[in-house]
Amino acid sequence: MAVDTIIMNGLTEEEDKSKNKNEEKKEEEEKKNVDPDLFVCLLQPVSADADPQYVGIRRLLLSRKAESGVYRRMDWRCNEKGYVAYRNYIRRPRNWENLHIPSHQSTPGNSGRWLPSSSPLSHLYEVESWSSSRDLPSSNLASGHRTSFSSSVSDSDHPRRQGVEPAYSFVGMHCIFDQCKAAVTVLKFGNMSSDLLAYGASDGTLTLCTVSEPASVIKQLKGHSKDVTDFDFSSNNQYIASSSLDKTVRIWELSKGLCIRVIYAVSSQLCIRFHPVNNNFLSVGNANKEITVFNFSTGRIINKSVFDNEITSMDHDHTGQLIFCGDAQGCIYSATMDSHTGALSRSHRHRSSSKRKSPVTTVQYRSFSLLAHGPVLLTCTQDGSLSYFSVALEIKGYLTPRCSLKLSPRLHTIQASFCPLLSLEKGEYIVSGSEDSNVYFYDLTRPRHTCVNKLQGHRFPVIGVAWNHGENLLASSDMYGIVIVWKRSKMS
């Protein structure tokens, strides 16, 4: 009997130990499953006068509400919506159903909603993105070929007056330059000039032309051994400063057609600008993550500022006190510049919301826009994103996104440009090259059918676009070295 009791006692002790272990495991699992926010909420101290049951229920409901908010935000992310869309949703007015705001139907090629600045709710919302569809009816597109050109544009969104041609229609090709045997990477008209045109190519040459009757090539400037990445005219159009992948900056005197100065560097020089007020300052962005300010007269370095990535594109404001630049990861920077000393200092950075970082191919400043009622900045990235920013000059160039347009991704460094005079009449126009060999016009004020016109004439991807001073001529260049100057129709 004693042995039996000992055995039974031993079994009960083992069973007790196993039960205790199981209970401890269950407690640990329950602790793991407990939401830490709820746990902290329940452990908060309760005042002596408060009803403990009421306090417990209130805390539980608050915790559940917070969880539902987290899940709701996750749903927005899963549906490819961003923070802006969620903030618009939670900031909507309480009498939202009674406001009857006209909304545009979403099409497969167009997503998002445009709220004009005159709307009483425009301050509550931001535009996320639009996607432009190029599959437009043939009646909406201008058609042409290498020798003749005709334009036919239907504009249903903006009723046109009788006897007035739309501002974005063209009557044909003004002239064609086809002597270049390499891809034309960048082209520009001279400052305040309607007939002086220059373009740089991937073979290192710079070509100077006149587009006045008769159009002709003035000079061809040879010196760079690799691609010309960018160039800029001096304010009096007597000099051109060019940058290249051959790690040099060259200064050209146009009257003689000679290179008067070569500035050697340690990395590829990717973009270049003269200071708009003090032409003795030359700002150059390079692949070494720097913007270097050179003395134009001596070629010596005045100042240097380091950024996060390669500086691929840049532009000055009209006062010369600000530089806006884009890098190889899609970030846009605002930097202040002293017009007397050339001192640079970074002020703001705007990061791209896209997960796939893409180089910025265009940064263009404009001193006034009817859409933004002030200065604006246009940026274009290689993944096909066109962004439009308001610029706060009083806050050192702080950028506020106004709207964006998502195009198809590009393989080449395709550029875009404002259409300033066109935008003063109606809409906000952007012109851009494309890889399907067409030149496209987009109106950013349209929520639907954003593409309003296209020019057909190139046979290869169109890289560069540029307006002359009067904006009656538009130049475009392609990968095959063809430069076409298009003539805009006159307003009757």
Protein backbone atom coordinates (compact mmCIF):
# COMPACT_ATOMS: atom_id res chain seq x y z
CA MET A 1 0.00 0.00 0.00
CA ALA A 2 2.80 2.39 0.80
CA VAL A 3 4.42 1.73 -2.57
CA ASP A 4 1.12 2.30 -4.37
CA THR A 5 0.53 5.59 -2.64
CA ILE A 6 4.06 6.73 -3.47
CA ILE A 7 3.52 5.88 -7.15
CA MET A 8 0.16 7.63 -7.21
CA ASN A 9 1.67 10.63 -5.47
CA GLY A 10 4.49 10.65 -8.06
CA LEU A 11 2.01 10.58 -10.95
CA THR A 12 0.01 13.38 -9.50
CA GLU A 13 3.12 15.50 -9.09
CA GLU A 14 4.11 14.94 -12.74
CA GLU A 15 0.58 15.75 -13.86
CA ASP A 16 0.65 18.91 -11.80
CA LYS A 17 3.94 19.96 -13.37
CA SER A 18 2.65 19.33 -16.93
CA LYS A 19 -0.55 21.26 -16.16
CA ASN A 20 1.47 24.16 -14.84
CA LYS A 21 3.63 24.17 -17.98
CA ASN A 22 0.56 24.14 -20.23
CA GLU A 23 -0.98 27.01 -18.30
CA GLU A 24 2.24 29.02 -18.56
CA LYS A 25 2.34 28.43 -22.32
CA LYS A 26 -1.26 29.57 -22.67
CA GLU A 27 -0.52 32.71 -20.66
CA GLU A 28 2.51 33.50 -22.85
CA GLU A 29 0.45 33.02 -26.03
CA GLU A 30 -2.28 35.27 -24.64
CA LYS A 31 0.31 37.92 -23.82
CA LYS A 32 1.65 37.73 -27.35
CA ASN A 33 -1.84 38.15 -28.82
CA VAL A 34 -2.64 41.17 -26.67
CA ASP A 35 -2.46 44.44 -28.59
CA PRO A 36 0.21 46.59 -26.88
CA ASP A 37 -1.84 49.76 -27.44
CA LEU A 38 -4.87 48.15 -25.79
CA PHE A 39 -2.71 46.81 -22.97
CA VAL A 40 -1.26 50.24 -22.26
CA CYS A 41 -4.73 51.77 -22.50
CA LEU A 42 -6.16 49.36 -19.93
CA LEU A 43 -3.26 49.92 -17.52
CA GLN A 44 -3.78 53.68 -17.37
CA PRO A 45 -4.59 54.94 -13.87
CA VAL A 46 -8.22 55.68 -13.01
CA SER A 47 -9.27 58.57 -10.81
CA ALA A 48 -11.13 57.76 -7.60
CA ASP A 49 -14.33 59.54 -8.70
CA ALA A 50 -14.60 57.78 -12.10
CA ASP A 51 -16.79 54.78 -12.72
CA PRO A 52 -14.41 51.86 -13.44
CA GLN A 53 -16.90 50.09 -15.74
CA TYR A 54 -17.45 53.25 -17.83
CA VAL A 55 -13.71 53.92 -18.05
CA GLY A 56 -12.98 50.36 -19.13
CA ILE A 57 -15.65 50.34 -21.84
CA ARG A 58 -14.53 53.75 -23.15
CA ARG A 59 -10.92 52.62 -23.39
CA LEU A 60 -11.93 49.46 -25.18
CA LEU A 61 -13.99 51.39 -27.74
CA LEU A 62 -11.16 53.88 -28.34
CA SER A 63 -8.75 51.04 -28.93
CA ARG A 64 -11.11 49.35 -31.40
CA LYS A 65 -11.58 52.67 -33.23
CA ALA A 66 -7.81 53.09 -33.56
CA GLU A 67 -7.53 49.56 -34.94
CA SER A 68 -10.26 50.22 -37.50
CA GLY A 69 -8.40 53.39 -38.60
CA VAL A 70 -5.23 51.37 -39.16
CA TYR A 71 -7.10 48.78 -41.21
CA ARG A 72 -8.79 51.53 -43.24
CA ARG A 73 -5.44 53.10 -44.08
CA MET A 74 -4.15 49.68 -45.08
CA ASP A 75 -7.14 49.32 -47.41
CA TRP A 76 -6.29 52.63 -49.06
CA ARG A 77 -2.71 51.49 -49.58
CA CYS A 78 -3.83 48.16 -51.00
CA ASN A 79 -6.07 49.94 -53.50
CA GLU A 80 -3.02 51.93 -54.71
CA LYS A 81 -4.21 55.10 -53.04
CA GLY A 82 -1.78 57.40 -51.29
CA TYR A 83 -1.66 59.52 -48.19
CA VAL A 84 -3.13 62.49 -50.06
CA ALA A 85 -6.25 60.52 -51.01
CA TYR A 86 -6.74 59.30 -47.44
CA ARG A 87 -6.28 62.79 -46.04
CA ASN A 88 -8.81 64.14 -48.55
CA TYR A 89 -11.21 61.45 -47.39
CA ILE A 90 -10.93 62.15 -43.67
CA ARG A 91 -10.99 65.95 -44.19
CA ARG A 92 -14.20 65.98 -46.22
CA PRO A 93 -16.96 68.26 -44.84
CA ARG A 94 -19.74 66.79 -42.72
CA ASN A 95 -22.44 67.85 -45.20
CA TRP A 96 -20.53 66.19 -48.05
CA GLU A 97 -23.64 64.50 -49.45
CA ASN A 98 -25.52 67.82 -49.75
CA LEU A 99 -22.80 69.73 -51.65
CA HIS A 100 -23.35 68.05 -55.06
CA ILE A 101 -19.85 68.72 -56.39
CA PRO A 102 -19.70 67.78 -60.09
CA SER A 103 -17.23 64.95 -60.51
CA HIS A 104 -15.77 63.76 -63.77
CA GLN A 105 -16.13 60.16 -64.80
CA SER A 106 -12.95 58.18 -64.56
CA THR A 107 -11.75 56.62 -67.78
CA PRO A 108 -9.20 53.84 -68.23
CA GLY A 109 -6.61 56.42 -69.28
CA ASN A 110 -7.53 59.16 -66.80
CA SER A 111 -7.72 58.85 -63.03
CA GLY A 112 -8.09 61.46 -60.32
CA ARG A 113 -10.23 64.54 -59.85
CA TRP A 114 -9.53 68.14 -60.72
CA LEU A 115 -10.91 70.85 -58.47
CA PRO A 116 -10.46 74.34 -59.92
CA SER A 117 -9.05 77.07 -57.73
CA SER A 118 -12.39 78.90 -57.79
CA SER A 119 -14.12 76.01 -56.03
CA PRO A 120 -14.89 76.66 -52.33
CA LEU A 121 -13.40 73.26 -51.49
CA SER A 122 -10.20 73.62 -53.49
CA HIS A 123 -8.16 74.26 -50.33
CA LEU A 124 -9.26 70.90 -48.91
CA TYR A 125 -8.01 68.73 -51.72
CA GLU A 126 -4.90 68.01 -53.69
CA VAL A 127 -4.65 66.32 -57.04
CA GLU A 128 -2.87 62.98 -56.82
CA SER A 129 -2.10 62.02 -60.39
CA TRP A 130 -3.55 61.82 -63.84
CA SER A 131 -2.76 59.32 -66.52
CA SER A 132 -2.97 60.58 -70.07
CA SER A 133 -4.29 58.26 -72.75
CA ARG A 134 -2.81 58.63 -76.19
CA ASP A 135 -5.56 56.60 -77.85
CA LEU A 136 -7.49 59.69 -78.94
CA PRO A 137 -9.85 59.91 -81.91
CA SER A 138 -8.18 60.79 -85.15
CA SER A 139 -10.17 64.02 -85.34
CA ASN A 140 -8.38 65.26 -82.23
CA LEU A 141 -4.91 64.83 -83.69
CA ALA A 142 -2.88 66.90 -86.08
CA SER A 143 -1.39 64.80 -88.87
CA GLY A 144 1.55 65.43 -91.11
CA HIS A 145 4.67 64.06 -92.79
CA ARG A 146 8.11 65.18 -93.76
CA THR A 147 7.01 67.54 -96.56
CA SER A 148 3.44 68.62 -95.84
CA PHE A 149 1.42 69.09 -92.69
CA SER A 150 -2.23 69.67 -91.81
CA SER A 151 -3.86 70.35 -88.47
CA SER A 152 -7.34 69.35 -87.34
CA VAL A 153 -8.18 69.70 -83.64
CA SER A 154 -11.55 69.19 -81.96
CA ASP A 155 -11.84 70.77 -78.55
CA SER A 156 -14.97 69.66 -76.74
CA ASP A 157 -13.87 70.65 -73.24
CA HIS A 158 -13.25 74.32 -74.15
CA PRO A 159 -15.81 75.84 -76.55
CA ARG A 160 -14.00 77.88 -79.19
CA ARG A 161 -15.14 81.16 -80.61
CA GLN A 162 -15.84 81.49 -84.31
CA GLY A 163 -12.93 82.76 -86.39
CA VAL A 164 -10.33 81.96 -83.72
CA GLU A 165 -7.93 79.07 -84.14
CA PRO A 166 -6.98 77.09 -81.00
CA ALA A 167 -3.74 78.28 -79.51
CA TYR A 168 -2.07 74.88 -79.82
CA SER A 169 -2.68 74.32 -83.56
CA PHE A 170 0.12 74.43 -86.12
CA VAL A 171 0.10 75.08 -89.85
CA GLY A 172 3.12 72.99 -90.78
CA MET A 173 6.88 72.69 -90.76
CA HIS A 174 8.82 75.92 -90.97
CA CYS A 175 12.17 74.25 -91.74
CA ILE A 176 14.16 71.04 -91.18
CA PHE A 177 17.85 70.61 -90.24
CA ASP A 178 19.17 67.15 -91.07
CA GLN A 179 22.93 67.59 -91.41
CA CYS A 180 23.66 66.10 -87.95
CA LYS A 181 24.58 62.40 -88.01
CA ALA A 182 24.00 61.69 -84.30
CA ALA A 183 21.18 62.01 -81.78
CA VAL A 184 20.38 65.63 -80.91
CA THR A 185 20.27 65.56 -77.11
CA VAL A 186 19.47 69.21 -76.31
CA LEU A 187 18.30 72.27 -78.28
CA LYS A 188 17.51 75.88 -77.34
CA PHE A 189 16.68 79.21 -78.89
CA GLY A 190 18.77 82.23 -77.96
CA ASN A 191 17.75 84.53 -75.11
CA MET A 192 14.99 86.92 -76.24
CA SER A 193 15.57 85.62 -79.76
CA SER A 194 13.07 84.32 -82.30
CA ASP A 195 15.48 83.10 -84.98
CA LEU A 196 18.75 81.99 -83.30
CA LEU A 197 18.72 78.23 -82.62
CA ALA A 198 21.47 75.93 -81.31
CA TYR A 199 21.50 72.21 -80.61
CA GLY A 200 24.00 69.72 -79.19
CA ALA A 201 24.45 66.12 -80.25
CA SER A 202 25.78 62.85 -78.91
CA ASP A 203 28.85 63.09 -81.15
CA GLY A 204 30.05 66.14 -79.17
CA THR A 205 29.16 68.80 -81.75
CA LEU A 206 27.23 72.02 -81.24
CA THR A 207 25.37 73.48 -84.23
CA LEU A 208 24.32 77.13 -84.50
CA CYS A 209 21.47 77.93 -86.90
CA THR A 210 19.16 80.70 -87.97
CA VAL A 211 15.51 79.89 -88.65
CA SER A 212 14.68 83.19 -90.37
CA GLU A 213 14.09 83.06 -94.11
CA PRO A 214 16.09 81.41 -95.52
CA ALA A 215 16.88 78.97 -92.70
CA SER A 216 20.54 77.91 -92.65
CA VAL A 217 23.37 76.56 -90.49
CA ILE A 218 25.67 79.34 -89.28
CA LYS A 219 28.47 77.38 -87.57
CA GLN A 220 29.28 73.96 -86.22
CA LEU A 221 31.30 74.00 -82.99
CA LYS A 222 33.55 70.96 -82.50
CA GLY A 223 35.58 70.22 -79.39
CA HIS A 224 33.75 67.83 -77.05
CA SER A 225 34.76 64.20 -77.42
CA LYS A 226 31.51 62.77 -75.96
CA ASP A 227 27.82 63.64 -75.70
CA VAL A 228 26.82 67.25 -75.16
CA THR A 229 24.56 67.01 -72.11
CA ASP A 230 23.49 70.66 -71.86
CA PHE A 231 24.36 74.19 -72.92
CA ASP A 232 23.19 77.74 -72.23
CA PHE A 233 23.32 81.10 -73.99
CA SER A 234 24.73 84.17 -72.26
CA SER A 235 22.24 87.01 -71.81
CA ASN A 236 23.55 88.85 -74.90
CA ASN A 237 23.82 85.65 -76.99
CA GLN A 238 27.51 86.27 -77.63
CA TYR A 239 28.68 83.13 -75.79
CA ILE A 240 27.56 79.56 -75.21
CA ALA A 241 28.67 77.46 -72.25
CA SER A 242 28.34 73.70 -72.82
CA SER A 243 28.72 70.63 -70.60
CA SER A 244 29.58 67.13 -71.70
CA LEU A 245 30.14 63.54 -70.63
CA ASP A 246 33.83 64.07 -71.46
CA LYS A 247 34.17 65.81 -68.03
CA THR A 248 34.72 69.27 -69.49
CA VAL A 249 32.90 72.58 -69.68
CA ARG A 250 33.62 74.64 -72.79
CA ILE A 251 33.03 78.34 -73.45
CA TRP A 252 32.34 79.28 -77.08
CA GLU A 253 32.49 82.73 -78.67
CA LEU A 254 29.79 82.64 -81.32
CA SER A 255 31.03 85.50 -83.51
CA LYS A 256 34.30 83.64 -84.15
CA GLY A 257 32.98 80.11 -83.73
CA LEU A 258 35.88 79.25 -81.43
CA CYS A 259 36.26 77.62 -78.03
CA ILE A 260 37.89 80.29 -75.87
CA ARG A 261 38.10 78.32 -72.60
CA VAL A 262 38.04 74.69 -71.42
CA ILE A 263 37.32 73.84 -67.78
CA TYR A 264 38.42 70.34 -66.82
CA ALA A 265 36.65 68.37 -64.07
CA VAL A 266 36.83 64.92 -62.48
CA SER A 267 33.32 63.72 -63.38
CA SER A 268 30.76 64.02 -66.17
CA GLN A 269 29.19 67.48 -66.39
CA LEU A 270 25.43 67.02 -66.78
CA CYS A 271 23.72 70.44 -66.74
CA ILE A 272 24.78 74.08 -66.96
CA ARG A 273 23.26 77.56 -66.55
CA PHE A 274 24.42 81.16 -66.70
CA HIS A 275 23.37 83.32 -63.78
CA PRO A 276 20.49 85.47 -65.14
CA VAL A 277 21.72 88.68 -63.44
CA ASN A 278 25.47 88.17 -63.12
CA ASN A 279 26.66 86.40 -66.28
CA ASN A 280 30.12 86.05 -64.77
CA PHE A 281 28.76 83.13 -62.71
CA LEU A 282 28.33 79.74 -64.35
CA SER A 283 26.55 76.98 -62.40
CA VAL A 284 27.28 73.39 -63.40
CA GLY A 285 25.71 70.18 -62.05
CA ASN A 286 27.81 67.04 -62.30
CA ALA A 287 27.87 63.29 -61.68
CA ASN A 288 29.87 63.85 -58.49
CA LYS A 289 26.69 65.01 -56.66
CA GLU A 290 27.76 68.66 -56.81
CA ILE A 291 26.77 72.03 -58.17
CA THR A 292 29.90 74.01 -58.90
CA VAL A 293 29.89 77.77 -59.49
CA PHE A 294 32.65 78.87 -61.89
CA ASN A 295 33.95 82.30 -62.72
CA PHE A 296 33.15 82.71 -66.41
CA SER A 297 36.09 85.06 -67.03
CA THR A 298 38.80 82.98 -65.34
CA GLY A 299 37.37 79.47 -65.19
CA ARG A 300 38.17 79.20 -61.47
CA ILE A 301 35.83 77.58 -58.94
CA ILE A 302 34.01 80.15 -56.80
CA ASN A 303 31.84 77.86 -54.72
CA LYS A 304 30.59 74.31 -54.48
CA SER A 305 27.59 72.61 -52.88
CA VAL A 306 27.16 68.85 -52.35
CA PHE A 307 23.80 67.08 -52.82
CA ASP A 308 22.53 63.54 -52.31
CA ASN A 309 22.84 62.25 -55.88
CA GLU A 310 23.98 63.21 -59.38
CA ILE A 311 22.55 66.57 -60.47
CA THR A 312 20.90 65.87 -63.82
CA SER A 313 18.92 69.06 -64.51
CA MET A 314 18.71 72.63 -63.19
CA ASP A 315 17.25 76.09 -63.72
CA HIS A 316 17.45 79.56 -62.15
CA ASP A 317 14.58 81.74 -61.08
CA HIS A 318 14.24 85.13 -62.78
CA THR A 319 16.07 86.95 -59.96
CA GLY A 320 19.03 84.56 -59.87
CA GLN A 321 18.69 84.16 -56.10
CA LEU A 322 17.38 80.59 -56.35
CA ILE A 323 18.53 77.46 -58.17
CA PHE A 324 16.15 74.54 -58.69
CA CYS A 325 17.77 71.23 -59.55
CA GLY A 326 16.83 67.58 -59.91
CA ASP A 327 18.94 64.52 -59.22
CA ALA A 328 19.25 60.95 -60.46
CA GLN A 329 16.78 59.65 -57.84
CA GLY A 330 13.90 61.99 -58.67
CA CYS A 331 14.43 64.52 -55.85
CA ILE A 332 13.97 68.25 -56.48
CA TYR A 333 16.11 70.75 -54.53
CA SER A 334 15.82 74.47 -53.92
CA ALA A 335 19.09 76.28 -53.19
CA THR A 336 19.77 79.94 -52.55
CA MET A 337 22.57 81.73 -54.38
CA ASP A 338 24.24 85.05 -53.62
CA SER A 339 24.38 87.14 -56.80
CA HIS A 340 27.51 88.97 -55.58
CA THR A 341 29.64 86.18 -54.08
CA GLY A 342 28.19 83.07 -55.74
CA ALA A 343 27.69 81.39 -52.36
CA LEU A 344 25.32 78.39 -52.48
CA SER A 345 23.23 76.91 -49.67
CA ARG A 346 20.55 74.23 -49.80
CA SER A 347 17.14 75.26 -48.51
CA HIS A 348 14.47 72.65 -49.39
CA ARG A 349 14.15 69.18 -50.84
CA HIS A 350 11.09 67.55 -52.38
CA ARG A 351 11.26 63.77 -52.57
CA SER A 352 9.54 61.77 -55.25
CA SER A 353 6.57 59.70 -54.05
CA SER A 354 7.27 57.01 -56.62
CA LYS A 355 8.82 53.78 -55.35
CA ARG A 356 10.95 53.48 -58.48
CA LYS A 357 13.41 56.34 -58.42
CA SER A 358 14.07 57.87 -61.81
CA PRO A 359 16.39 60.66 -63.01
CA VAL A 360 14.97 64.13 -63.48
CA THR A 361 15.29 65.12 -67.15
CA THR A 362 13.69 68.60 -67.02
CA VAL A 363 13.58 71.37 -64.43
CA GLN A 364 12.04 74.56 -65.79
CA TYR A 365 11.07 77.69 -63.86
CA ARG A 366 8.39 80.15 -64.91
CA SER A 367 7.78 83.46 -63.18
CA PHE A 368 3.97 83.46 -63.40
CA SER A 369 1.07 81.09 -63.98
CA LEU A 370 -2.66 81.78 -64.00
CA LEU A 371 -3.25 78.35 -62.52
CA ALA A 372 -1.02 78.95 -59.48
CA HIS A 373 -1.31 82.77 -59.40
CA GLY A 374 2.45 83.02 -59.01
CA PRO A 375 5.76 81.39 -59.99
CA VAL A 376 5.73 77.70 -60.90
CA LEU A 377 8.19 74.90 -61.60
CA LEU A 378 7.87 72.07 -64.11
CA THR A 379 9.75 68.81 -63.65
CA CYS A 380 9.90 65.72 -65.82
CA THR A 381 11.44 62.37 -64.90
CA GLN A 382 12.53 59.50 -67.10
CA ASP A 383 9.73 57.24 -65.80
CA GLY A 384 7.20 59.56 -67.47
CA SER A 385 6.10 61.71 -64.52
CA LEU A 386 5.33 65.37 -65.21
CA SER A 387 5.00 67.42 -62.00
CA TYR A 388 3.81 70.97 -61.55
CA PHE A 389 4.77 72.96 -58.42
CA SER A 390 3.91 76.33 -56.95
CA VAL A 391 7.05 78.19 -55.82
CA ALA A 392 7.08 80.25 -52.61
CA LEU A 393 9.86 82.77 -53.22
CA GLU A 394 9.46 84.27 -49.74
CA ILE A 395 10.26 80.84 -48.19
CA LYS A 396 13.46 80.30 -50.18
CA GLY A 397 11.81 78.46 -53.03
CA TYR A 398 9.59 76.07 -51.08
CA LEU A 399 7.71 73.82 -53.53
CA THR A 400 4.05 72.88 -53.22
CA PRO A 401 2.77 70.16 -55.62
CA ARG A 402 -0.20 71.37 -57.64
CA CYS A 403 -0.82 68.51 -60.03
CA SER A 404 0.97 65.75 -61.87
CA LEU A 405 0.61 63.78 -65.06
CA LYS A 406 1.74 60.18 -65.44
CA LEU A 407 2.90 59.18 -68.91
CA SER A 408 4.43 55.93 -70.10
CA PRO A 409 8.01 55.26 -68.94
CA ARG A 410 10.83 56.30 -71.28
CA LEU A 411 14.06 54.62 -72.25
CA HIS A 412 15.68 57.89 -73.35
CA THR A 413 16.22 61.23 -71.65
CA ILE A 414 13.13 62.96 -73.03
CA GLN A 415 12.49 66.58 -72.10
CA ALA A 416 9.39 68.74 -71.64
CA SER A 417 8.68 72.47 -71.65
CA PHE A 418 6.12 75.05 -70.59
CA CYS A 419 3.99 76.78 -73.21
CA PRO A 420 3.81 80.16 -71.41
CA LEU A 421 1.98 82.31 -73.97
CA LEU A 422 -0.48 79.57 -74.77
CA SER A 423 -1.29 79.17 -71.08
CA LEU A 424 -2.16 82.86 -70.73
CA GLU A 425 -5.16 82.37 -73.02
CA LYS A 426 -6.69 79.25 -71.50
CA GLY A 427 -5.49 76.16 -69.73
CA GLU A 428 -1.96 75.24 -68.64
CA TYR A 429 -0.07 73.74 -71.54
CA ILE A 430 2.96 71.47 -71.51
CA VAL A 431 4.76 70.18 -74.61
CA SER A 432 6.86 67.03 -74.49
CA GLY A 433 8.67 64.64 -76.76
CA SER A 434 7.91 60.94 -76.77
CA GLU A 435 9.36 57.62 -77.82
CA ASP A 436 6.64 57.00 -80.42
CA SER A 437 8.22 59.80 -82.57
CA ASN A 438 5.44 62.36 -81.86
CA VAL A 439 5.38 65.71 -80.07
CA TYR A 440 2.52 65.89 -77.56
CA PHE A 441 0.68 68.84 -76.00
CA TYR A 442 -1.01 68.41 -72.63
CA ASP A 443 -3.42 70.74 -70.85
CA LEU A 444 -3.01 70.24 -67.10
CA THR A 445 -6.36 71.92 -66.35
CA ARG A 446 -8.27 69.12 -68.03
CA PRO A 447 -9.30 66.10 -65.95
CA ARG A 448 -10.15 64.18 -69.13
CA HIS A 449 -8.49 64.06 -72.57
CA THR A 450 -5.41 65.79 -71.19
CA CYS A 451 -3.61 65.33 -74.51
CA VAL A 452 -4.95 68.12 -76.73
CA ASN A 453 -2.74 67.81 -79.80
CA LYS A 454 0.21 65.98 -81.29
CA LEU A 455 2.64 66.77 -84.09
CA GLN A 456 3.72 63.98 -86.42
CA GLY A 457 6.79 64.28 -88.58
CA HIS A 458 9.68 62.54 -86.84
CA ARG A 459 10.43 58.90 -87.45
CA PHE A 460 12.46 58.29 -84.28
CA PRO A 461 12.01 59.07 -80.55
CA VAL A 462 11.72 62.83 -79.96
CA ILE A 463 14.13 63.93 -77.22
CA GLY A 464 14.17 67.73 -77.02
CA VAL A 465 11.63 70.53 -77.45
CA ALA A 466 12.14 74.31 -77.29
CA TRP A 467 10.14 77.48 -78.02
CA ASN A 468 11.49 80.65 -79.54
CA HIS A 469 10.94 84.00 -77.83
CA GLY A 470 7.74 84.85 -79.67
CA GLU A 471 6.42 81.29 -79.28
CA ASN A 472 5.36 81.22 -82.91
CA LEU A 473 7.98 78.52 -83.57
CA LEU A 474 8.56 75.22 -81.80
CA ALA A 475 11.73 73.16 -82.38
CA SER A 476 11.94 69.42 -81.75
CA SER A 477 14.82 66.97 -82.13
CA ASP A 478 15.04 63.19 -82.38
CA MET A 479 17.44 60.28 -81.97
CA TYR A 480 18.38 60.29 -85.66
CA GLY A 481 19.68 63.86 -85.63
CA ILE A 482 16.68 65.51 -87.30
CA VAL A 483 15.58 68.94 -86.01
CA ILE A 484 12.14 70.14 -87.11
CA VAL A 485 10.95 73.71 -86.55
CA TRP A 486 7.14 73.85 -86.45
CA LYS A 487 5.16 76.99 -87.25
CA ARG A 488 2.19 77.84 -85.07
CA SER A 489 -0.99 79.12 -86.68
CA LYS A 490 -1.74 82.81 -86.32
CA MET A 491 -4.67 83.98 -84.23
CA SER A 492 -7.24 85.54 -86.56
